[in-house]
Amino acid sequence: MTIKRKIFPDGEVPHLDQVVDQLKRLDSKNTRLMYRMFILYVVFAVFYLGLMILNPDPELTLANRIQGVIYVLIFVIAAIFFRYHYRKTYQVDYSAPILKMLEDARERHKLLRPGKMWFLVFIVLTCDIVVTWALAERTWPASWSLLTIILVIQAGYYAIMGISYLIGYLVWRKKSRPLVRNLTMLIEEFKRE
């Protein structure tokens, strides 16, 4: 049985032990992924700290250093976010009362949750401001106004963010959505009993 395929036909109530096995495998994968992301963002934070803040290069302007500080803060916040979710997933109690465990698992694997949404909005908007600020200082065609430059940067940035979201959604749809549906069916079955 793999996580990637639906294991139950639509409308058929899944077996608890099979869904819990599926849940444990996906949680295990997510735990490893979140730990790797935590390490990656810590490395980025340290790299940017040295490159943009501690670097004694006289060509780095005050604006470059402020941008570096903002990048480091973004990386630190992202590292804290992934560390928090790593610990939360790592410490999941599968021996908790069944209904509570299933509801917690469903919440954990939903695509859009308020905590994740606020984090994503914060990161996307903060990165947008810093990227726009940094790229607006680059060389652009002389005939372009500042507004045109900002609009070109925004179009490119949000195209990249849109593609990233689409890829994330497709991965979630393939790996987690069948599990969320199975968990929902089990929860409804337990509530009926």
N, C-alpha and C. Protein backbone atom coordinates (compact mmCIF):
# COMPACT_ATOMS: atom_id res chain seq x y z
N MET A 1 0.83 -1.17 0.00
CA MET A 1 0.00 0.00 0.00
C MET A 1 0.88 1.24 0.00
N THR A 2 0.65 2.18 -0.89
CA THR A 2 1.48 3.38 -0.94
C THR A 2 0.65 4.59 -0.56
N ILE A 3 1.35 5.63 -0.17
CA ILE A 3 0.69 6.87 0.20
C ILE A 3 0.12 7.55 -1.04
N LYS A 4 0.76 7.35 -2.16
CA LYS A 4 0.44 8.11 -3.36
C LYS A 4 -0.91 7.73 -3.96
N ARG A 5 -1.38 6.52 -3.73
CA ARG A 5 -2.64 6.07 -4.33
C ARG A 5 -3.77 6.10 -3.31
N LYS A 6 -4.97 6.30 -3.83
CA LYS A 6 -6.14 6.13 -2.97
C LYS A 6 -6.25 4.64 -2.69
N ILE A 7 -6.47 4.27 -1.44
CA ILE A 7 -6.55 2.85 -1.13
C ILE A 7 -7.98 2.39 -0.92
N PHE A 8 -8.91 3.32 -0.96
CA PHE A 8 -10.30 2.96 -0.76
C PHE A 8 -11.15 3.60 -1.83
N PRO A 9 -12.07 2.84 -2.42
CA PRO A 9 -12.98 3.44 -3.41
C PRO A 9 -13.82 4.54 -2.75
N ASP A 10 -14.25 5.50 -3.55
CA ASP A 10 -15.07 6.59 -3.02
C ASP A 10 -16.33 6.03 -2.37
N GLY A 11 -16.63 6.56 -1.19
CA GLY A 11 -17.82 6.15 -0.48
C GLY A 11 -17.61 4.98 0.46
N GLU A 12 -16.56 4.20 0.29
CA GLU A 12 -16.30 3.06 1.18
C GLU A 12 -15.51 3.56 2.39
N VAL A 13 -15.95 3.17 3.57
CA VAL A 13 -15.27 3.61 4.80
C VAL A 13 -13.95 2.84 4.93
N PRO A 14 -12.85 3.58 5.08
CA PRO A 14 -11.55 2.91 5.19
C PRO A 14 -11.39 2.19 6.52
N HIS A 15 -10.45 1.25 6.56
CA HIS A 15 -10.14 0.53 7.79
C HIS A 15 -9.17 1.37 8.62
N LEU A 16 -9.44 1.45 9.91
CA LEU A 16 -8.66 2.30 10.81
C LEU A 16 -7.17 1.96 10.77
N ASP A 17 -6.83 0.68 10.87
CA ASP A 17 -5.41 0.33 10.93
C ASP A 17 -4.67 0.69 9.64
N GLN A 18 -5.34 0.58 8.50
CA GLN A 18 -4.70 0.94 7.24
C GLN A 18 -4.49 2.45 7.15
N VAL A 19 -5.46 3.23 7.60
CA VAL A 19 -5.33 4.69 7.57
C VAL A 19 -4.24 5.14 8.54
N VAL A 20 -4.18 4.52 9.71
CA VAL A 20 -3.15 4.88 10.68
C VAL A 20 -1.76 4.54 10.14
N ASP A 21 -1.63 3.40 9.45
CA ASP A 21 -0.34 3.07 8.82
C ASP A 21 0.02 4.11 7.76
N GLN A 22 -0.95 4.49 6.96
CA GLN A 22 -0.74 5.52 5.94
C GLN A 22 -0.34 6.84 6.60
N LEU A 23 -1.01 7.18 7.68
CA LEU A 23 -0.72 8.40 8.42
C LEU A 23 0.69 8.39 9.00
N LYS A 24 1.09 7.28 9.59
CA LYS A 24 2.43 7.18 10.18
C LYS A 24 3.52 7.34 9.12
N ARG A 25 3.32 6.72 7.96
CA ARG A 25 4.31 6.84 6.88
C ARG A 25 4.43 8.28 6.41
N LEU A 26 3.28 8.94 6.21
CA LEU A 26 3.31 10.32 5.74
C LEU A 26 3.89 11.25 6.81
N ASP A 27 3.54 11.04 8.07
CA ASP A 27 4.11 11.84 9.15
C ASP A 27 5.62 11.65 9.23
N SER A 28 6.08 10.44 9.04
CA SER A 28 7.51 10.16 9.06
C SER A 28 8.24 10.90 7.93
N LYS A 29 7.66 10.87 6.73
CA LYS A 29 8.24 11.61 5.60
C LYS A 29 8.26 13.11 5.88
N ASN A 30 7.13 13.62 6.38
CA ASN A 30 7.03 15.06 6.65
C ASN A 30 8.01 15.49 7.74
N THR A 31 8.21 14.65 8.74
CA THR A 31 9.15 14.97 9.81
C THR A 31 10.55 15.13 9.25
N ARG A 32 10.97 14.19 8.41
CA ARG A 32 12.31 14.28 7.80
C ARG A 32 12.41 15.53 6.92
N LEU A 33 11.36 15.82 6.14
CA LEU A 33 11.37 16.99 5.27
C LEU A 33 11.47 18.28 6.08
N MET A 34 10.68 18.38 7.16
CA MET A 34 10.70 19.60 7.97
C MET A 34 12.05 19.80 8.66
N TYR A 35 12.68 18.71 9.08
CA TYR A 35 14.00 18.83 9.70
C TYR A 35 15.02 19.32 8.67
N ARG A 36 14.95 18.80 7.45
CA ARG A 36 15.87 19.24 6.39
C ARG A 36 15.64 20.72 6.07
N MET A 37 14.38 21.14 6.02
CA MET A 37 14.08 22.55 5.74
C MET A 37 14.60 23.44 6.88
N PHE A 38 14.46 22.99 8.11
CA PHE A 38 15.00 23.73 9.25
C PHE A 38 16.51 23.93 9.08
N ILE A 39 17.23 22.86 8.78
CA ILE A 39 18.68 22.95 8.59
C ILE A 39 19.02 23.87 7.42
N LEU A 40 18.29 23.75 6.31
CA LEU A 40 18.54 24.58 5.14
C LEU A 40 18.39 26.06 5.47
N TYR A 41 17.33 26.43 6.19
CA TYR A 41 17.12 27.84 6.53
C TYR A 41 18.13 28.35 7.54
N VAL A 42 18.60 27.50 8.44
CA VAL A 42 19.66 27.91 9.36
C VAL A 42 20.94 28.19 8.57
N VAL A 43 21.26 27.32 7.61
CA VAL A 43 22.45 27.53 6.76
C VAL A 43 22.31 28.82 5.97
N PHE A 44 21.13 29.07 5.37
CA PHE A 44 20.91 30.33 4.64
C PHE A 44 21.09 31.54 5.56
N ALA A 45 20.55 31.46 6.77
CA ALA A 45 20.66 32.58 7.70
C ALA A 45 22.13 32.87 8.03
N VAL A 46 22.90 31.83 8.31
CA VAL A 46 24.31 32.01 8.64
C VAL A 46 25.07 32.54 7.42
N PHE A 47 24.76 32.00 6.23
CA PHE A 47 25.43 32.44 5.00
C PHE A 47 25.17 33.93 4.74
N TYR A 48 23.89 34.33 4.83
CA TYR A 48 23.56 35.74 4.59
C TYR A 48 24.09 36.64 5.69
N LEU A 49 24.16 36.15 6.90
CA LEU A 49 24.75 36.92 8.00
C LEU A 49 26.18 37.28 7.66
N GLY A 50 26.94 36.29 7.19
CA GLY A 50 28.33 36.55 6.81
C GLY A 50 28.45 37.36 5.54
N LEU A 51 27.62 37.08 4.55
CA LEU A 51 27.74 37.72 3.24
C LEU A 51 27.28 39.17 3.24
N MET A 52 26.16 39.45 3.90
CA MET A 52 25.56 40.79 3.79
C MET A 52 25.71 41.68 5.02
N ILE A 53 26.02 41.09 6.16
CA ILE A 53 26.06 41.91 7.38
C ILE A 53 27.48 42.01 7.92
N LEU A 54 28.13 40.88 8.13
CA LEU A 54 29.46 40.89 8.73
C LEU A 54 30.58 41.14 7.72
N ASN A 55 30.29 41.03 6.44
CA ASN A 55 31.28 41.23 5.38
C ASN A 55 31.80 42.68 5.43
N PRO A 56 33.12 42.88 5.55
CA PRO A 56 33.65 44.24 5.65
C PRO A 56 33.82 44.94 4.30
N ASP A 57 33.34 44.35 3.23
CA ASP A 57 33.48 44.93 1.88
C ASP A 57 32.91 46.35 1.85
N PRO A 58 33.74 47.35 1.47
CA PRO A 58 33.24 48.74 1.45
C PRO A 58 32.21 49.00 0.36
N GLU A 59 32.08 48.09 -0.62
CA GLU A 59 31.09 48.28 -1.69
C GLU A 59 29.67 47.96 -1.23
N LEU A 60 29.54 47.28 -0.09
CA LEU A 60 28.20 47.02 0.44
C LEU A 60 27.66 48.29 1.08
N THR A 61 26.55 48.76 0.54
CA THR A 61 25.95 49.99 1.06
C THR A 61 25.10 49.69 2.30
N LEU A 62 24.64 50.73 2.93
CA LEU A 62 23.75 50.57 4.08
C LEU A 62 22.46 49.86 3.64
N ALA A 63 21.98 50.19 2.44
CA ALA A 63 20.76 49.54 1.92
C ALA A 63 21.00 48.04 1.76
N ASN A 64 22.18 47.65 1.22
CA ASN A 64 22.50 46.23 1.08
C ASN A 64 22.51 45.53 2.43
N ARG A 65 23.07 46.19 3.43
CA ARG A 65 23.16 45.58 4.76
C ARG A 65 21.77 45.46 5.40
N ILE A 66 20.91 46.46 5.20
CA ILE A 66 19.54 46.38 5.73
C ILE A 66 18.79 45.25 5.04
N GLN A 67 18.95 45.13 3.72
CA GLN A 67 18.33 44.02 3.00
C GLN A 67 18.84 42.68 3.54
N GLY A 68 20.15 42.62 3.83
CA GLY A 68 20.73 41.40 4.40
C GLY A 68 20.12 41.06 5.75
N VAL A 69 19.92 42.07 6.59
CA VAL A 69 19.30 41.85 7.90
C VAL A 69 17.88 41.30 7.72
N ILE A 70 17.13 41.85 6.77
CA ILE A 70 15.76 41.38 6.54
C ILE A 70 15.78 39.94 6.03
N TYR A 71 16.71 39.63 5.10
CA TYR A 71 16.82 38.25 4.63
C TYR A 71 17.14 37.29 5.77
N VAL A 72 18.08 37.68 6.62
CA VAL A 72 18.44 36.82 7.75
C VAL A 72 17.23 36.61 8.66
N LEU A 73 16.47 37.68 8.93
CA LEU A 73 15.26 37.54 9.77
C LEU A 73 14.24 36.61 9.12
N ILE A 74 14.07 36.72 7.80
CA ILE A 74 13.14 35.83 7.10
C ILE A 74 13.60 34.39 7.24
N PHE A 75 14.90 34.13 7.05
CA PHE A 75 15.41 32.77 7.16
C PHE A 75 15.28 32.24 8.59
N VAL A 76 15.53 33.09 9.58
CA VAL A 76 15.40 32.65 10.98
C VAL A 76 13.94 32.33 11.30
N ILE A 77 13.02 33.18 10.86
CA ILE A 77 11.60 32.92 11.11
C ILE A 77 11.16 31.64 10.41
N ALA A 78 11.62 31.42 9.18
CA ALA A 78 11.28 30.18 8.46
C ALA A 78 11.87 28.96 9.19
N ALA A 79 13.09 29.09 9.69
CA ALA A 79 13.72 27.98 10.43
C ALA A 79 12.91 27.67 11.69
N ILE A 80 12.47 28.70 12.40
CA ILE A 80 11.67 28.50 13.61
C ILE A 80 10.34 27.83 13.25
N PHE A 81 9.72 28.27 12.15
CA PHE A 81 8.46 27.68 11.69
C PHE A 81 8.62 26.19 11.43
N PHE A 82 9.67 25.83 10.67
CA PHE A 82 9.88 24.41 10.35
C PHE A 82 10.28 23.61 11.58
N ARG A 83 11.04 24.21 12.49
CA ARG A 83 11.42 23.52 13.73
C ARG A 83 10.18 23.24 14.58
N TYR A 84 9.28 24.22 14.67
CA TYR A 84 8.05 24.06 15.44
C TYR A 84 7.20 22.91 14.87
N HIS A 85 7.02 22.91 13.54
CA HIS A 85 6.19 21.86 12.94
C HIS A 85 6.90 20.51 12.95
N TYR A 86 8.21 20.51 12.91
CA TYR A 86 8.97 19.26 13.04
C TYR A 86 8.71 18.65 14.42
N ARG A 87 8.85 19.47 15.46
CA ARG A 87 8.64 18.97 16.82
C ARG A 87 7.19 18.53 17.03
N LYS A 88 6.26 19.29 16.47
CA LYS A 88 4.85 18.96 16.62
C LYS A 88 4.53 17.62 15.96
N THR A 89 5.07 17.38 14.77
CA THR A 89 4.82 16.12 14.06
C THR A 89 5.59 14.98 14.71
N TYR A 90 6.82 15.26 15.16
CA TYR A 90 7.65 14.23 15.79
C TYR A 90 7.01 13.72 17.08
N GLN A 91 6.30 14.59 17.79
CA GLN A 91 5.73 14.24 19.09
C GLN A 91 4.27 13.80 19.00
N VAL A 92 3.80 13.45 17.82
CA VAL A 92 2.40 13.00 17.67
C VAL A 92 2.18 11.75 18.50
N ASP A 93 1.05 11.75 19.20
CA ASP A 93 0.71 10.61 20.05
C ASP A 93 -0.37 9.77 19.34
N TYR A 94 0.06 8.65 18.77
CA TYR A 94 -0.88 7.78 18.07
C TYR A 94 -1.71 6.93 19.04
N SER A 95 -1.35 6.98 20.34
CA SER A 95 -2.12 6.22 21.33
C SER A 95 -3.20 7.08 22.00
N ALA A 96 -3.34 8.33 21.55
CA ALA A 96 -4.38 9.21 22.09
C ALA A 96 -5.75 8.62 21.74
N PRO A 97 -6.81 9.09 22.40
CA PRO A 97 -8.14 8.61 22.01
C PRO A 97 -8.33 8.73 20.50
N ILE A 98 -8.92 7.70 19.91
CA ILE A 98 -8.95 7.56 18.45
C ILE A 98 -9.53 8.79 17.76
N LEU A 99 -10.67 9.26 18.22
CA LEU A 99 -11.32 10.39 17.55
C LEU A 99 -10.43 11.63 17.59
N LYS A 100 -9.83 11.91 18.74
CA LYS A 100 -8.95 13.08 18.87
C LYS A 100 -7.72 12.92 17.98
N MET A 101 -7.13 11.74 17.96
CA MET A 101 -5.95 11.49 17.13
C MET A 101 -6.28 11.69 15.66
N LEU A 102 -7.45 11.20 15.23
CA LEU A 102 -7.85 11.35 13.82
C LEU A 102 -8.12 12.81 13.46
N GLU A 103 -8.80 13.53 14.36
CA GLU A 103 -9.09 14.94 14.10
C GLU A 103 -7.80 15.77 14.05
N ASP A 104 -6.87 15.49 14.98
CA ASP A 104 -5.57 16.20 14.96
C ASP A 104 -4.81 15.90 13.68
N ALA A 105 -4.85 14.65 13.25
CA ALA A 105 -4.14 14.26 12.02
C ALA A 105 -4.75 14.95 10.81
N ARG A 106 -6.07 15.02 10.76
CA ARG A 106 -6.73 15.70 9.64
C ARG A 106 -6.35 17.17 9.60
N GLU A 107 -6.36 17.82 10.77
CA GLU A 107 -5.95 19.23 10.84
C GLU A 107 -4.52 19.41 10.38
N ARG A 108 -3.65 18.52 10.79
CA ARG A 108 -2.22 18.60 10.48
C ARG A 108 -1.97 18.47 8.98
N HIS A 109 -2.79 17.70 8.28
CA HIS A 109 -2.55 17.42 6.87
C HIS A 109 -3.43 18.22 5.91
N LYS A 110 -4.25 19.12 6.44
CA LYS A 110 -5.03 19.99 5.57
C LYS A 110 -4.09 20.92 4.82
N LEU A 111 -4.51 21.34 3.63
CA LEU A 111 -3.66 22.20 2.80
C LEU A 111 -3.55 23.60 3.40
N LEU A 112 -4.66 24.24 3.66
CA LEU A 112 -4.64 25.62 4.13
C LEU A 112 -5.19 25.70 5.55
N ARG A 113 -4.30 25.97 6.47
CA ARG A 113 -4.68 26.18 7.86
C ARG A 113 -4.31 27.60 8.23
N PRO A 114 -5.03 28.25 9.15
CA PRO A 114 -4.74 29.64 9.49
C PRO A 114 -3.28 29.89 9.89
N GLY A 115 -2.69 29.03 10.69
CA GLY A 115 -1.29 29.23 11.10
C GLY A 115 -0.34 29.20 9.93
N LYS A 116 -0.55 28.26 9.02
CA LYS A 116 0.30 28.18 7.83
C LYS A 116 0.04 29.37 6.90
N MET A 117 -1.23 29.77 6.78
CA MET A 117 -1.56 30.87 5.88
C MET A 117 -0.90 32.18 6.32
N TRP A 118 -0.96 32.49 7.62
CA TRP A 118 -0.33 33.73 8.11
C TRP A 118 1.17 33.70 7.88
N PHE A 119 1.78 32.54 8.09
CA PHE A 119 3.22 32.41 7.85
C PHE A 119 3.53 32.63 6.37
N LEU A 120 2.77 31.99 5.48
CA LEU A 120 3.02 32.13 4.05
C LEU A 120 2.80 33.57 3.57
N VAL A 121 1.73 34.21 4.02
CA VAL A 121 1.47 35.60 3.63
C VAL A 121 2.60 36.50 4.12
N PHE A 122 3.03 36.31 5.36
CA PHE A 122 4.12 37.12 5.91
C PHE A 122 5.40 36.94 5.09
N ILE A 123 5.78 35.70 4.83
CA ILE A 123 7.01 35.41 4.10
C ILE A 123 6.94 35.96 2.68
N VAL A 124 5.83 35.70 1.99
CA VAL A 124 5.70 36.15 0.60
C VAL A 124 5.75 37.67 0.52
N LEU A 125 5.02 38.38 1.38
CA LEU A 125 5.01 39.84 1.33
C LEU A 125 6.34 40.45 1.75
N THR A 126 6.97 39.89 2.79
CA THR A 126 8.26 40.42 3.23
C THR A 126 9.32 40.20 2.16
N CYS A 127 9.34 39.01 1.59
CA CYS A 127 10.30 38.74 0.50
C CYS A 127 10.01 39.64 -0.70
N ASP A 128 8.74 39.87 -0.98
CA ASP A 128 8.37 40.75 -2.09
C ASP A 128 8.96 42.14 -1.91
N ILE A 129 8.82 42.68 -0.71
CA ILE A 129 9.35 44.02 -0.44
C ILE A 129 10.86 44.06 -0.62
N VAL A 130 11.56 43.10 -0.05
CA VAL A 130 13.03 43.10 -0.12
C VAL A 130 13.51 42.84 -1.54
N VAL A 131 12.90 41.89 -2.23
CA VAL A 131 13.30 41.59 -3.61
C VAL A 131 13.05 42.80 -4.51
N THR A 132 11.91 43.43 -4.35
CA THR A 132 11.61 44.62 -5.16
C THR A 132 12.62 45.72 -4.87
N TRP A 133 12.90 45.95 -3.60
CA TRP A 133 13.87 46.97 -3.20
C TRP A 133 15.25 46.67 -3.81
N ALA A 134 15.69 45.43 -3.72
CA ALA A 134 17.02 45.06 -4.22
C ALA A 134 17.08 45.13 -5.75
N LEU A 135 16.05 44.62 -6.42
CA LEU A 135 16.08 44.58 -7.89
C LEU A 135 15.82 45.94 -8.52
N ALA A 136 15.09 46.81 -7.84
CA ALA A 136 14.82 48.15 -8.39
C ALA A 136 16.10 48.96 -8.53
N GLU A 137 17.13 48.62 -7.73
CA GLU A 137 18.40 49.34 -7.79
C GLU A 137 19.28 48.86 -8.94
N ARG A 138 18.91 47.75 -9.59
CA ARG A 138 19.70 47.21 -10.70
C ARG A 138 19.55 48.08 -11.94
N THR A 139 20.32 47.76 -12.94
CA THR A 139 20.26 48.49 -14.20
C THR A 139 19.07 48.01 -15.03
N TRP A 140 18.23 48.94 -15.41
CA TRP A 140 17.06 48.66 -16.23
C TRP A 140 17.11 49.58 -17.45
N PRO A 141 16.34 49.30 -18.48
CA PRO A 141 16.32 50.22 -19.64
C PRO A 141 16.03 51.66 -19.19
N ALA A 142 16.75 52.61 -19.74
CA ALA A 142 16.64 54.01 -19.33
C ALA A 142 15.25 54.58 -19.55
N SER A 143 14.51 54.03 -20.51
CA SER A 143 13.18 54.57 -20.82
C SER A 143 12.13 54.12 -19.80
N TRP A 144 12.46 53.15 -18.94
CA TRP A 144 11.49 52.63 -17.98
C TRP A 144 11.39 53.55 -16.77
N SER A 145 10.16 53.82 -16.35
CA SER A 145 9.96 54.58 -15.12
C SER A 145 10.08 53.63 -13.92
N LEU A 146 10.16 54.21 -12.74
CA LEU A 146 10.23 53.40 -11.52
C LEU A 146 9.00 52.50 -11.39
N LEU A 147 7.84 53.03 -11.76
CA LEU A 147 6.61 52.25 -11.69
C LEU A 147 6.68 51.04 -12.63
N THR A 148 7.19 51.23 -13.83
CA THR A 148 7.32 50.13 -14.79
C THR A 148 8.27 49.06 -14.24
N ILE A 149 9.38 49.50 -13.67
CA ILE A 149 10.35 48.56 -13.09
C ILE A 149 9.69 47.74 -11.98
N ILE A 150 8.96 48.43 -11.09
CA ILE A 150 8.30 47.74 -9.98
C ILE A 150 7.26 46.76 -10.50
N LEU A 151 6.49 47.15 -11.52
CA LEU A 151 5.47 46.26 -12.08
C LEU A 151 6.11 45.04 -12.74
N VAL A 152 7.24 45.20 -13.42
CA VAL A 152 7.93 44.07 -14.04
C VAL A 152 8.44 43.12 -12.95
N ILE A 153 9.02 43.69 -11.89
CA ILE A 153 9.51 42.86 -10.78
C ILE A 153 8.35 42.10 -10.13
N GLN A 154 7.24 42.80 -9.90
CA GLN A 154 6.08 42.17 -9.27
C GLN A 154 5.52 41.05 -10.14
N ALA A 155 5.45 41.28 -11.44
CA ALA A 155 4.93 40.25 -12.35
C ALA A 155 5.81 39.00 -12.29
N GLY A 156 7.12 39.19 -12.34
CA GLY A 156 8.04 38.05 -12.26
C GLY A 156 7.96 37.35 -10.92
N TYR A 157 7.94 38.13 -9.85
CA TYR A 157 7.93 37.56 -8.50
C TYR A 157 6.66 36.75 -8.26
N TYR A 158 5.51 37.33 -8.59
CA TYR A 158 4.26 36.63 -8.31
C TYR A 158 4.02 35.47 -9.29
N ALA A 159 4.63 35.53 -10.47
CA ALA A 159 4.58 34.36 -11.36
C ALA A 159 5.34 33.20 -10.72
N ILE A 160 6.51 33.50 -10.16
CA ILE A 160 7.29 32.45 -9.48
C ILE A 160 6.54 31.93 -8.26
N MET A 161 5.93 32.82 -7.48
CA MET A 161 5.16 32.39 -6.30
C MET A 161 3.95 31.55 -6.71
N GLY A 162 3.29 31.94 -7.80
CA GLY A 162 2.14 31.17 -8.28
C GLY A 162 2.53 29.77 -8.72
N ILE A 163 3.65 29.66 -9.45
CA ILE A 163 4.14 28.35 -9.88
C ILE A 163 4.52 27.51 -8.66
N SER A 164 5.17 28.14 -7.67
CA SER A 164 5.55 27.42 -6.45
C SER A 164 4.32 26.90 -5.72
N TYR A 165 3.28 27.74 -5.61
CA TYR A 165 2.05 27.30 -4.95
C TYR A 165 1.41 26.14 -5.71
N LEU A 166 1.38 26.24 -7.04
CA LEU A 166 0.79 25.18 -7.86
C LEU A 166 1.52 23.86 -7.65
N ILE A 167 2.84 23.90 -7.62
CA ILE A 167 3.63 22.68 -7.39
C ILE A 167 3.32 22.12 -6.00
N GLY A 168 3.29 22.99 -4.98
CA GLY A 168 2.96 22.55 -3.63
C GLY A 168 1.57 21.94 -3.55
N TYR A 169 0.61 22.56 -4.24
CA TYR A 169 -0.76 22.03 -4.25
C TYR A 169 -0.81 20.66 -4.90
N LEU A 170 -0.12 20.50 -6.03
CA LEU A 170 -0.14 19.22 -6.73
C LEU A 170 0.50 18.12 -5.89
N VAL A 171 1.57 18.45 -5.17
CA VAL A 171 2.21 17.47 -4.27
C VAL A 171 1.25 17.11 -3.16
N TRP A 172 0.61 18.12 -2.53
CA TRP A 172 -0.36 17.86 -1.46
C TRP A 172 -1.51 17.01 -1.99
N ARG A 173 -2.01 17.35 -3.17
CA ARG A 173 -3.15 16.63 -3.74
C ARG A 173 -2.83 15.17 -3.96
N LYS A 174 -1.61 14.89 -4.36
CA LYS A 174 -1.22 13.51 -4.64
C LYS A 174 -0.92 12.73 -3.36
N LYS A 175 -0.29 13.38 -2.37
CA LYS A 175 0.16 12.66 -1.19
C LYS A 175 -0.79 12.77 0.01
N SER A 176 -1.33 13.95 0.25
CA SER A 176 -2.09 14.16 1.49
C SER A 176 -3.60 14.18 1.33
N ARG A 177 -4.10 14.61 0.20
CA ARG A 177 -5.55 14.71 0.06
C ARG A 177 -6.27 13.37 0.23
N PRO A 178 -5.75 12.26 -0.34
CA PRO A 178 -6.43 10.98 -0.08
C PRO A 178 -6.46 10.64 1.41
N LEU A 179 -5.38 10.95 2.12
CA LEU A 179 -5.34 10.70 3.56
C LEU A 179 -6.37 11.56 4.29
N VAL A 180 -6.46 12.84 3.93
CA VAL A 180 -7.43 13.74 4.58
C VAL A 180 -8.85 13.23 4.33
N ARG A 181 -9.12 12.77 3.13
CA ARG A 181 -10.46 12.22 2.84
C ARG A 181 -10.74 10.97 3.66
N ASN A 182 -9.74 10.07 3.74
CA ASN A 182 -9.92 8.86 4.54
C ASN A 182 -10.13 9.19 6.01
N LEU A 183 -9.37 10.15 6.52
CA LEU A 183 -9.52 10.56 7.92
C LEU A 183 -10.92 11.14 8.15
N THR A 184 -11.39 11.95 7.22
CA THR A 184 -12.72 12.55 7.34
C THR A 184 -13.80 11.47 7.38
N MET A 185 -13.69 10.47 6.50
CA MET A 185 -14.67 9.38 6.50
C MET A 185 -14.65 8.62 7.83
N LEU A 186 -13.45 8.35 8.34
CA LEU A 186 -13.35 7.64 9.63
C LEU A 186 -13.94 8.47 10.77
N ILE A 187 -13.63 9.76 10.78
CA ILE A 187 -14.16 10.64 11.84
C ILE A 187 -15.69 10.64 11.80
N GLU A 188 -16.26 10.78 10.60
CA GLU A 188 -17.72 10.77 10.48
C GLU A 188 -18.31 9.44 10.94
N GLU A 189 -17.61 8.34 10.62
CA GLU A 189 -18.09 7.02 11.05
C GLU A 189 -18.06 6.88 12.57
N PHE A 190 -16.96 7.37 13.20
CA PHE A 190 -16.87 7.30 14.66
C PHE A 190 -17.90 8.19 15.33
N LYS A 191 -18.21 9.33 14.76
CA LYS A 191 -19.20 10.23 15.35
C LYS A 191 -20.61 9.66 15.23
N ARG A 192 -20.85 8.87 14.19
CA ARG A 192 -22.17 8.24 14.04
C ARG A 192 -22.41 7.16 15.07
N GLU A 193 -21.33 6.49 15.49
CA GLU A 193 -21.46 5.36 16.42
C GLU A 193 -21.74 5.80 17.83
